Amino acid sequence: MSLEARALAIAGDRAGAVAALADAERSREAMPGHDEAPGIFAFPAAKQFAYAGTSHLAVGGRKHVQRAIASAETAIRLYRSAEDDDQSVRDLFAAHVDLVHGHLLLGDLDGTQAMLGFVLDAPPERMSASIVRRLTALGQELSGSQYRGAAQAVHLRERLQNTAVLAASPSSHPPELTT
């Protein structure tokens, strides 16, 4: 249901996305031992919160942006406290990018800058193509008329673009050798 919510939100079905998010929450709460399902059936709460953050951002509106921020913060906290086997680097990056995006959508450049540190300070080879696309989109948002003339926005946009270029370069992702 979390994947469904994200897909519906991206497709523009706001009502369907909100309903799927509520269904996902109800389903997790109704399942005894919900965080203990083994193997391929595992869907950690951290992942659910990460997907919820992305979904709320895609739904849009101040209330959903605030929910996205709360979901991303929860996902980050849960991933950081999880055992290594339960951590998802991709979802952790996505949650950080959602957190950044949420602060940007609220017009909070200071919060945006503060939240960007984790992503911008990470080794470029750890960033997926999806994260690079999302960083590029954030940089484009910082080019908007509401930020025109803001030195902080220019600085953030340049850092985002530089990181995206580094992460997208072939030298950041050398081919794996097989033996």
N, C-alpha and C. Protein backbone atom coordinates (compact mmCIF):
# COMPACT_ATOMS: atom_id res chain seq x y z
N MET A 1 0.81 -1.19 0.00
CA MET A 1 0.00 0.00 0.00
C MET A 1 0.86 1.25 0.00
N SER A 2 2.04 1.17 0.59
CA SER A 2 2.94 2.32 0.58
C SER A 2 3.42 2.63 -0.83
N LEU A 3 3.74 1.58 -1.59
CA LEU A 3 4.13 1.78 -2.99
C LEU A 3 2.97 2.31 -3.80
N GLU A 4 1.78 1.81 -3.51
CA GLU A 4 0.58 2.27 -4.20
C GLU A 4 0.37 3.76 -3.93
N ALA A 5 0.53 4.16 -2.68
CA ALA A 5 0.36 5.57 -2.32
C ALA A 5 1.34 6.45 -3.09
N ARG A 6 2.58 6.02 -3.13
CA ARG A 6 3.60 6.80 -3.84
C ARG A 6 3.27 6.89 -5.33
N ALA A 7 2.89 5.77 -5.93
CA ALA A 7 2.55 5.76 -7.35
C ALA A 7 1.33 6.64 -7.64
N LEU A 8 0.31 6.53 -6.82
CA LEU A 8 -0.89 7.35 -7.02
C LEU A 8 -0.59 8.83 -6.87
N ALA A 9 0.23 9.17 -5.88
CA ALA A 9 0.58 10.57 -5.66
C ALA A 9 1.35 11.14 -6.85
N ILE A 10 2.29 10.37 -7.35
CA ILE A 10 3.09 10.83 -8.50
C ILE A 10 2.21 10.94 -9.75
N ALA A 11 1.22 10.05 -9.86
CA ALA A 11 0.31 10.09 -11.01
C ALA A 11 -0.73 11.20 -10.89
N GLY A 12 -0.77 11.87 -9.75
CA GLY A 12 -1.70 12.98 -9.56
C GLY A 12 -3.02 12.62 -8.90
N ASP A 13 -3.17 11.37 -8.47
CA ASP A 13 -4.40 10.95 -7.79
C ASP A 13 -4.24 11.23 -6.29
N ARG A 14 -4.49 12.47 -5.92
CA ARG A 14 -4.29 12.89 -4.53
C ARG A 14 -5.16 12.10 -3.57
N ALA A 15 -6.45 11.98 -3.88
CA ALA A 15 -7.38 11.28 -2.99
C ALA A 15 -6.99 9.81 -2.85
N GLY A 16 -6.63 9.18 -3.95
CA GLY A 16 -6.21 7.78 -3.89
C GLY A 16 -4.94 7.60 -3.08
N ALA A 17 -4.01 8.54 -3.23
CA ALA A 17 -2.74 8.47 -2.48
C ALA A 17 -2.99 8.62 -0.99
N VAL A 18 -3.82 9.56 -0.61
CA VAL A 18 -4.12 9.78 0.81
C VAL A 18 -4.83 8.55 1.38
N ALA A 19 -5.74 7.97 0.62
CA ALA A 19 -6.44 6.76 1.08
C ALA A 19 -5.46 5.59 1.24
N ALA A 20 -4.54 5.44 0.29
CA ALA A 20 -3.56 4.35 0.37
C ALA A 20 -2.62 4.55 1.55
N LEU A 21 -2.24 5.79 1.83
CA LEU A 21 -1.40 6.07 3.01
C LEU A 21 -2.12 5.67 4.29
N ALA A 22 -3.40 6.02 4.38
CA ALA A 22 -4.19 5.67 5.57
C ALA A 22 -4.34 4.15 5.67
N ASP A 23 -4.55 3.48 4.54
CA ASP A 23 -4.65 2.01 4.55
C ASP A 23 -3.35 1.38 5.03
N ALA A 24 -2.22 1.91 4.58
CA ALA A 24 -0.92 1.37 4.98
C ALA A 24 -0.73 1.51 6.49
N GLU A 25 -1.10 2.66 7.03
CA GLU A 25 -0.97 2.87 8.48
C GLU A 25 -1.87 1.91 9.25
N ARG A 26 -3.12 1.79 8.82
CA ARG A 26 -4.07 0.89 9.50
C ARG A 26 -3.59 -0.56 9.41
N SER A 27 -3.09 -0.95 8.27
CA SER A 27 -2.63 -2.33 8.10
C SER A 27 -1.45 -2.64 9.01
N ARG A 28 -0.51 -1.73 9.12
CA ARG A 28 0.66 -1.98 9.98
C ARG A 28 0.22 -2.07 11.44
N GLU A 29 -0.67 -1.18 11.85
CA GLU A 29 -1.13 -1.19 13.24
C GLU A 29 -1.96 -2.44 13.56
N ALA A 30 -2.66 -2.98 12.58
CA ALA A 30 -3.54 -4.13 12.82
C ALA A 30 -2.79 -5.46 12.81
N MET A 31 -1.58 -5.47 12.30
CA MET A 31 -0.82 -6.71 12.18
C MET A 31 -0.01 -6.97 13.44
N PRO A 32 -0.27 -8.08 14.14
CA PRO A 32 0.55 -8.39 15.32
C PRO A 32 1.97 -8.76 14.86
N GLY A 33 2.97 -8.23 15.56
CA GLY A 33 4.36 -8.50 15.20
C GLY A 33 4.73 -7.95 13.84
N HIS A 34 4.14 -6.83 13.46
CA HIS A 34 4.27 -6.27 12.12
C HIS A 34 5.71 -5.96 11.70
N ASP A 35 6.59 -5.71 12.61
CA ASP A 35 7.97 -5.40 12.24
C ASP A 35 8.87 -6.63 12.29
N GLU A 36 8.28 -7.79 12.46
CA GLU A 36 9.08 -8.99 12.59
C GLU A 36 8.93 -9.95 11.42
N ALA A 37 8.23 -9.56 10.36
CA ALA A 37 8.05 -10.45 9.21
C ALA A 37 9.40 -10.68 8.54
N PRO A 38 9.74 -11.94 8.29
CA PRO A 38 11.06 -12.25 7.76
C PRO A 38 11.15 -12.15 6.23
N GLY A 39 12.38 -12.05 5.75
CA GLY A 39 12.69 -12.18 4.34
C GLY A 39 11.97 -11.21 3.43
N ILE A 40 11.46 -11.75 2.32
CA ILE A 40 10.86 -10.89 1.31
C ILE A 40 9.56 -10.24 1.77
N PHE A 41 9.01 -10.74 2.86
CA PHE A 41 7.78 -10.16 3.37
C PHE A 41 8.03 -8.97 4.29
N ALA A 42 9.28 -8.71 4.58
CA ALA A 42 9.63 -7.61 5.47
C ALA A 42 9.37 -6.27 4.77
N PHE A 43 8.76 -5.39 5.47
CA PHE A 43 8.56 -4.02 5.01
C PHE A 43 8.68 -3.15 6.25
N PRO A 44 9.93 -2.79 6.59
CA PRO A 44 10.17 -2.08 7.85
C PRO A 44 9.39 -0.77 7.95
N ALA A 45 9.09 -0.41 9.16
CA ALA A 45 8.39 0.86 9.40
C ALA A 45 9.17 2.02 8.81
N ALA A 46 10.50 1.97 8.86
CA ALA A 46 11.31 3.05 8.30
C ALA A 46 11.02 3.23 6.83
N LYS A 47 10.89 2.13 6.10
CA LYS A 47 10.59 2.20 4.66
C LYS A 47 9.19 2.79 4.45
N GLN A 48 8.25 2.38 5.28
CA GLN A 48 6.90 2.91 5.15
C GLN A 48 6.90 4.42 5.36
N PHE A 49 7.64 4.90 6.35
CA PHE A 49 7.71 6.34 6.59
C PHE A 49 8.44 7.06 5.44
N ALA A 50 9.48 6.44 4.89
CA ALA A 50 10.19 7.04 3.77
C ALA A 50 9.25 7.20 2.57
N TYR A 51 8.50 6.15 2.27
CA TYR A 51 7.56 6.22 1.14
C TYR A 51 6.43 7.22 1.42
N ALA A 52 6.01 7.28 2.67
CA ALA A 52 4.95 8.22 3.04
C ALA A 52 5.43 9.66 2.82
N GLY A 53 6.69 9.93 3.17
CA GLY A 53 7.22 11.27 2.95
C GLY A 53 7.18 11.67 1.48
N THR A 54 7.64 10.77 0.63
CA THR A 54 7.62 11.03 -0.81
C THR A 54 6.19 11.22 -1.31
N SER A 55 5.27 10.40 -0.81
CA SER A 55 3.87 10.49 -1.23
C SER A 55 3.25 11.82 -0.81
N HIS A 56 3.48 12.22 0.43
CA HIS A 56 2.92 13.48 0.92
C HIS A 56 3.46 14.67 0.11
N LEU A 57 4.73 14.64 -0.25
CA LEU A 57 5.28 15.72 -1.06
C LEU A 57 4.59 15.78 -2.42
N ALA A 58 4.37 14.62 -3.02
CA ALA A 58 3.73 14.58 -4.33
C ALA A 58 2.26 15.01 -4.26
N VAL A 59 1.59 14.72 -3.15
CA VAL A 59 0.21 15.17 -2.97
C VAL A 59 0.18 16.70 -2.91
N GLY A 60 1.13 17.28 -2.18
CA GLY A 60 1.26 18.73 -2.12
C GLY A 60 0.32 19.40 -1.12
N GLY A 61 0.49 20.68 -0.98
CA GLY A 61 -0.27 21.45 0.00
C GLY A 61 0.48 21.50 1.31
N ARG A 62 0.34 22.58 2.01
CA ARG A 62 1.09 22.81 3.24
C ARG A 62 0.97 21.68 4.26
N LYS A 63 -0.27 21.19 4.47
CA LYS A 63 -0.50 20.13 5.45
C LYS A 63 0.28 18.88 5.07
N HIS A 64 0.27 18.53 3.79
CA HIS A 64 0.98 17.32 3.35
C HIS A 64 2.49 17.52 3.36
N VAL A 65 2.94 18.73 3.08
CA VAL A 65 4.38 19.00 3.16
C VAL A 65 4.85 18.84 4.60
N GLN A 66 4.07 19.34 5.54
CA GLN A 66 4.42 19.17 6.96
C GLN A 66 4.42 17.70 7.36
N ARG A 67 3.46 16.93 6.84
CA ARG A 67 3.43 15.49 7.10
C ARG A 67 4.63 14.80 6.46
N ALA A 68 5.02 15.28 5.28
CA ALA A 68 6.20 14.71 4.60
C ALA A 68 7.45 14.92 5.45
N ILE A 69 7.59 16.10 6.00
CA ILE A 69 8.75 16.39 6.85
C ILE A 69 8.75 15.47 8.06
N ALA A 70 7.60 15.33 8.71
CA ALA A 70 7.51 14.45 9.89
C ALA A 70 7.81 13.00 9.51
N SER A 71 7.28 12.55 8.38
CA SER A 71 7.53 11.17 7.94
C SER A 71 9.00 10.95 7.62
N ALA A 72 9.61 11.91 6.92
CA ALA A 72 11.03 11.78 6.57
C ALA A 72 11.90 11.77 7.83
N GLU A 73 11.58 12.64 8.79
CA GLU A 73 12.35 12.66 10.05
C GLU A 73 12.23 11.32 10.78
N THR A 74 11.03 10.74 10.78
CA THR A 74 10.83 9.44 11.44
C THR A 74 11.60 8.35 10.70
N ALA A 75 11.54 8.35 9.38
CA ALA A 75 12.27 7.35 8.59
C ALA A 75 13.76 7.43 8.87
N ILE A 76 14.30 8.63 8.90
CA ILE A 76 15.74 8.83 9.16
C ILE A 76 16.10 8.30 10.55
N ARG A 77 15.29 8.65 11.54
CA ARG A 77 15.55 8.20 12.91
C ARG A 77 15.52 6.67 12.99
N LEU A 78 14.51 6.06 12.36
CA LEU A 78 14.38 4.60 12.40
C LEU A 78 15.53 3.92 11.65
N TYR A 79 15.90 4.43 10.50
CA TYR A 79 17.01 3.83 9.76
C TYR A 79 18.33 3.96 10.51
N ARG A 80 18.54 5.10 11.12
CA ARG A 80 19.80 5.29 11.85
C ARG A 80 19.91 4.39 13.08
N SER A 81 18.77 4.03 13.67
CA SER A 81 18.81 3.17 14.86
C SER A 81 18.68 1.69 14.50
N ALA A 82 18.46 1.37 13.23
CA ALA A 82 18.29 -0.01 12.80
C ALA A 82 19.63 -0.73 12.70
N GLU A 83 19.56 -2.04 12.78
CA GLU A 83 20.76 -2.85 12.58
C GLU A 83 21.15 -2.75 11.11
N ASP A 84 22.42 -3.01 10.82
CA ASP A 84 22.93 -2.87 9.46
C ASP A 84 22.08 -3.59 8.43
N ASP A 85 21.61 -4.79 8.73
CA ASP A 85 20.81 -5.56 7.78
C ASP A 85 19.48 -4.89 7.46
N ASP A 86 18.99 -4.05 8.34
CA ASP A 86 17.69 -3.40 8.15
C ASP A 86 17.80 -1.97 7.62
N GLN A 87 19.01 -1.55 7.31
CA GLN A 87 19.19 -0.20 6.79
C GLN A 87 19.15 -0.23 5.27
N SER A 88 18.57 0.78 4.69
CA SER A 88 18.53 0.95 3.24
C SER A 88 19.16 2.30 2.94
N VAL A 89 20.35 2.27 2.36
CA VAL A 89 21.05 3.51 2.04
C VAL A 89 20.22 4.35 1.08
N ARG A 90 19.61 3.70 0.09
CA ARG A 90 18.80 4.44 -0.89
C ARG A 90 17.62 5.12 -0.23
N ASP A 91 16.92 4.39 0.65
CA ASP A 91 15.77 5.00 1.33
C ASP A 91 16.20 6.08 2.31
N LEU A 92 17.36 5.91 2.92
CA LEU A 92 17.88 6.94 3.83
C LEU A 92 18.18 8.22 3.05
N PHE A 93 18.83 8.07 1.89
CA PHE A 93 19.07 9.25 1.04
C PHE A 93 17.75 9.88 0.61
N ALA A 94 16.81 9.04 0.18
CA ALA A 94 15.51 9.56 -0.27
C ALA A 94 14.81 10.33 0.84
N ALA A 95 14.86 9.80 2.06
CA ALA A 95 14.22 10.49 3.19
C ALA A 95 14.89 11.83 3.44
N HIS A 96 16.21 11.88 3.34
CA HIS A 96 16.91 13.16 3.51
C HIS A 96 16.54 14.15 2.41
N VAL A 97 16.45 13.67 1.18
CA VAL A 97 16.08 14.56 0.08
C VAL A 97 14.65 15.05 0.27
N ASP A 98 13.76 14.17 0.73
CA ASP A 98 12.38 14.60 1.01
C ASP A 98 12.34 15.65 2.12
N LEU A 99 13.15 15.46 3.12
CA LEU A 99 13.22 16.43 4.22
C LEU A 99 13.68 17.79 3.69
N VAL A 100 14.70 17.78 2.86
CA VAL A 100 15.20 19.00 2.23
C VAL A 100 14.10 19.64 1.39
N HIS A 101 13.46 18.82 0.56
CA HIS A 101 12.41 19.33 -0.33
C HIS A 101 11.26 19.94 0.47
N GLY A 102 10.88 19.29 1.55
CA GLY A 102 9.82 19.83 2.38
C GLY A 102 10.15 21.20 2.93
N HIS A 103 11.36 21.36 3.44
CA HIS A 103 11.77 22.68 3.96
C HIS A 103 11.80 23.71 2.85
N LEU A 104 12.24 23.30 1.66
CA LEU A 104 12.27 24.23 0.53
C LEU A 104 10.86 24.66 0.15
N LEU A 105 9.92 23.71 0.10
CA LEU A 105 8.55 24.05 -0.25
C LEU A 105 7.89 24.98 0.77
N LEU A 106 8.37 24.92 2.00
CA LEU A 106 7.84 25.84 3.02
C LEU A 106 8.57 27.18 3.01
N GLY A 107 9.51 27.33 2.08
CA GLY A 107 10.25 28.59 1.96
C GLY A 107 11.33 28.77 3.01
N ASP A 108 11.73 27.68 3.64
CA ASP A 108 12.71 27.71 4.72
C ASP A 108 14.10 27.40 4.17
N LEU A 109 14.80 28.42 3.67
CA LEU A 109 16.13 28.21 3.09
C LEU A 109 17.15 27.78 4.14
N ASP A 110 17.03 28.29 5.37
CA ASP A 110 17.95 27.87 6.43
C ASP A 110 17.77 26.38 6.73
N GLY A 111 16.52 25.94 6.84
CA GLY A 111 16.24 24.52 7.07
C GLY A 111 16.68 23.67 5.90
N THR A 112 16.47 24.17 4.70
CA THR A 112 16.91 23.47 3.49
C THR A 112 18.41 23.26 3.53
N GLN A 113 19.14 24.32 3.82
CA GLN A 113 20.60 24.23 3.87
C GLN A 113 21.06 23.28 4.97
N ALA A 114 20.45 23.37 6.12
CA ALA A 114 20.85 22.51 7.24
C ALA A 114 20.60 21.03 6.93
N MET A 115 19.50 20.73 6.27
CA MET A 115 19.15 19.34 5.98
C MET A 115 19.96 18.77 4.81
N LEU A 116 20.52 19.62 3.96
CA LEU A 116 21.26 19.15 2.80
C LEU A 116 22.61 18.53 3.14
N GLY A 117 23.13 18.83 4.31
CA GLY A 117 24.47 18.37 4.68
C GLY A 117 24.69 16.88 4.49
N PHE A 118 23.77 16.05 4.96
CA PHE A 118 23.93 14.60 4.85
C PHE A 118 24.14 14.17 3.40
N VAL A 119 23.33 14.71 2.51
CA VAL A 119 23.39 14.31 1.10
C VAL A 119 24.62 14.90 0.42
N LEU A 120 24.86 16.18 0.62
CA LEU A 120 25.97 16.83 -0.09
C LEU A 120 27.34 16.40 0.42
N ASP A 121 27.41 15.94 1.65
CA ASP A 121 28.68 15.51 2.21
C ASP A 121 28.96 14.01 1.98
N ALA A 122 27.99 13.31 1.42
CA ALA A 122 28.14 11.87 1.18
C ALA A 122 29.02 11.62 -0.04
N PRO A 123 29.71 10.49 -0.08
CA PRO A 123 30.49 10.14 -1.26
C PRO A 123 29.56 10.00 -2.47
N PRO A 124 29.91 10.62 -3.60
CA PRO A 124 29.03 10.60 -4.77
C PRO A 124 28.68 9.19 -5.26
N GLU A 125 29.57 8.24 -5.06
CA GLU A 125 29.30 6.88 -5.54
C GLU A 125 28.18 6.18 -4.76
N ARG A 126 27.77 6.75 -3.67
CA ARG A 126 26.67 6.15 -2.88
C ARG A 126 25.29 6.63 -3.37
N MET A 127 25.29 7.57 -4.30
CA MET A 127 24.02 8.14 -4.76
C MET A 127 23.51 7.43 -6.00
N SER A 128 22.26 7.05 -5.95
CA SER A 128 21.63 6.39 -7.09
C SER A 128 21.23 7.43 -8.14
N ALA A 129 20.88 6.94 -9.32
CA ALA A 129 20.43 7.84 -10.39
C ALA A 129 19.17 8.59 -9.96
N SER A 130 18.31 7.93 -9.19
CA SER A 130 17.10 8.57 -8.70
C SER A 130 17.42 9.75 -7.79
N ILE A 131 18.39 9.58 -6.92
CA ILE A 131 18.79 10.67 -6.01
C ILE A 131 19.40 11.81 -6.82
N VAL A 132 20.19 11.49 -7.82
CA VAL A 132 20.79 12.53 -8.67
C VAL A 132 19.69 13.32 -9.37
N ARG A 133 18.67 12.64 -9.90
CA ARG A 133 17.54 13.35 -10.54
C ARG A 133 16.83 14.26 -9.55
N ARG A 134 16.65 13.76 -8.33
CA ARG A 134 15.94 14.55 -7.33
C ARG A 134 16.76 15.77 -6.90
N LEU A 135 18.08 15.61 -6.81
CA LEU A 135 18.94 16.76 -6.48
C LEU A 135 18.90 17.79 -7.59
N THR A 136 18.90 17.32 -8.83
CA THR A 136 18.81 18.23 -9.98
C THR A 136 17.49 19.00 -9.94
N ALA A 137 16.40 18.31 -9.63
CA ALA A 137 15.09 18.97 -9.54
C ALA A 137 15.07 20.01 -8.42
N LEU A 138 15.70 19.69 -7.28
CA LEU A 138 15.78 20.67 -6.19
C LEU A 138 16.54 21.92 -6.65
N GLY A 139 17.63 21.71 -7.36
CA GLY A 139 18.39 22.84 -7.89
C GLY A 139 17.55 23.70 -8.81
N GLN A 140 16.73 23.05 -9.64
CA GLN A 140 15.85 23.80 -10.54
C GLN A 140 14.81 24.59 -9.76
N GLU A 141 14.29 24.01 -8.68
CA GLU A 141 13.32 24.73 -7.85
C GLU A 141 13.94 25.98 -7.23
N LEU A 142 15.22 25.88 -6.90
CA LEU A 142 15.92 27.03 -6.32
C LEU A 142 16.16 28.13 -7.36
N SER A 143 15.89 27.84 -8.62
CA SER A 143 16.00 28.85 -9.68
C SER A 143 14.70 29.64 -9.83
N GLY A 144 13.68 29.28 -9.06
CA GLY A 144 12.38 29.93 -9.16
C GLY A 144 12.42 31.40 -8.80
N SER A 145 11.41 32.10 -9.26
CA SER A 145 11.35 33.55 -9.07
C SER A 145 11.34 33.95 -7.60
N GLN A 146 10.77 33.11 -6.72
CA GLN A 146 10.72 33.45 -5.29
C GLN A 146 12.10 33.50 -4.65
N TYR A 147 13.11 32.88 -5.32
CA TYR A 147 14.47 32.87 -4.76
C TYR A 147 15.42 33.77 -5.54
N ARG A 148 14.92 34.44 -6.55
CA ARG A 148 15.76 35.30 -7.38
C ARG A 148 16.41 36.37 -6.50
N GLY A 149 17.72 36.45 -6.61
CA GLY A 149 18.47 37.45 -5.86
C GLY A 149 18.89 36.99 -4.47
N ALA A 150 18.45 35.82 -4.04
CA ALA A 150 18.82 35.31 -2.72
C ALA A 150 20.16 34.58 -2.84
N ALA A 151 21.19 35.14 -2.23
CA ALA A 151 22.54 34.55 -2.31
C ALA A 151 22.55 33.13 -1.76
N GLN A 152 21.79 32.87 -0.72
CA GLN A 152 21.74 31.54 -0.13
C GLN A 152 21.18 30.52 -1.13
N ALA A 153 20.16 30.92 -1.88
CA ALA A 153 19.57 30.03 -2.89
C ALA A 153 20.57 29.75 -4.01
N VAL A 154 21.31 30.75 -4.43
CA VAL A 154 22.32 30.58 -5.47
C VAL A 154 23.39 29.61 -4.99
N HIS A 155 23.85 29.80 -3.77
CA HIS A 155 24.88 28.92 -3.20
C HIS A 155 24.38 27.47 -3.11
N LEU A 156 23.16 27.29 -2.62
CA LEU A 156 22.60 25.94 -2.51
C LEU A 156 22.43 25.30 -3.89
N ARG A 157 21.95 26.08 -4.85
CA ARG A 157 21.77 25.56 -6.21
C ARG A 157 23.11 25.10 -6.80
N GLU A 158 24.15 25.89 -6.60
CA GLU A 158 25.47 25.52 -7.11
C GLU A 158 25.99 24.26 -6.45
N ARG A 159 25.80 24.14 -5.14
CA ARG A 159 26.24 22.91 -4.44
C ARG A 159 25.47 21.69 -4.92
N LEU A 160 24.15 21.85 -5.11
CA LEU A 160 23.34 20.74 -5.61
C LEU A 160 23.79 20.32 -7.00
N GLN A 161 24.00 21.30 -7.88
CA GLN A 161 24.43 20.99 -9.24
C GLN A 161 25.79 20.32 -9.25
N ASN A 162 26.71 20.81 -8.44
CA ASN A 162 28.04 20.22 -8.37
C ASN A 162 27.96 18.77 -7.88
N THR A 163 27.19 18.53 -6.84
CA THR A 163 27.04 17.18 -6.31
C THR A 163 26.39 16.26 -7.33
N ALA A 164 25.36 16.74 -8.02
CA ALA A 164 24.67 15.93 -9.03
C ALA A 164 25.62 15.56 -10.16
N VAL A 165 26.45 16.51 -10.59
CA VAL A 165 27.41 16.24 -11.67
C VAL A 165 28.43 15.20 -11.21
N LEU A 166 28.96 15.37 -10.01
CA LEU A 166 29.93 14.40 -9.48
C LEU A 166 29.31 13.01 -9.35
N ALA A 167 28.11 12.94 -8.82
CA ALA A 167 27.46 11.66 -8.60
C ALA A 167 27.08 10.97 -9.91
N ALA A 168 26.81 11.76 -10.94
CA ALA A 168 26.40 11.18 -12.23
C ALA A 168 27.60 10.79 -13.09
N SER A 169 28.79 11.23 -12.73
CA SER A 169 29.95 10.94 -13.57
C SER A 169 30.31 9.46 -13.49
N PRO A 170 30.74 8.89 -14.61
CA PRO A 170 31.09 7.46 -14.63
C PRO A 170 32.18 7.10 -13.62
N SER A 171 33.07 8.03 -13.32
CA SER A 171 34.14 7.72 -12.37
C SER A 171 33.61 7.54 -10.95
N SER A 172 32.41 8.04 -10.67
CA SER A 172 31.81 7.85 -9.35
C SER A 172 31.21 6.47 -9.19
N HIS A 173 30.93 5.82 -10.31
CA HIS A 173 30.30 4.50 -10.29
C HIS A 173 31.08 3.55 -11.18
N PRO A 174 32.28 3.14 -10.75
CA PRO A 174 33.08 2.23 -11.57
C PRO A 174 32.36 0.90 -11.75
N PRO A 175 32.55 0.27 -12.91
CA PRO A 175 31.88 -1.03 -13.12
C PRO A 175 32.41 -2.06 -12.14
N GLU A 176 31.52 -2.97 -11.73
CA GLU A 176 31.94 -4.01 -10.80
C GLU A 176 32.71 -5.07 -11.56
N LEU A 177 33.76 -5.54 -10.93
CA LEU A 177 34.55 -6.61 -11.53
C LEU A 177 33.97 -7.95 -11.08
N THR A 178 33.87 -8.86 -12.01
CA THR A 178 33.40 -10.20 -11.66
C THR A 178 34.53 -11.18 -11.86
N THR A 179 34.57 -12.18 -11.03
CA THR A 179 35.62 -13.19 -11.15
C THR A 179 35.03 -14.55 -11.37
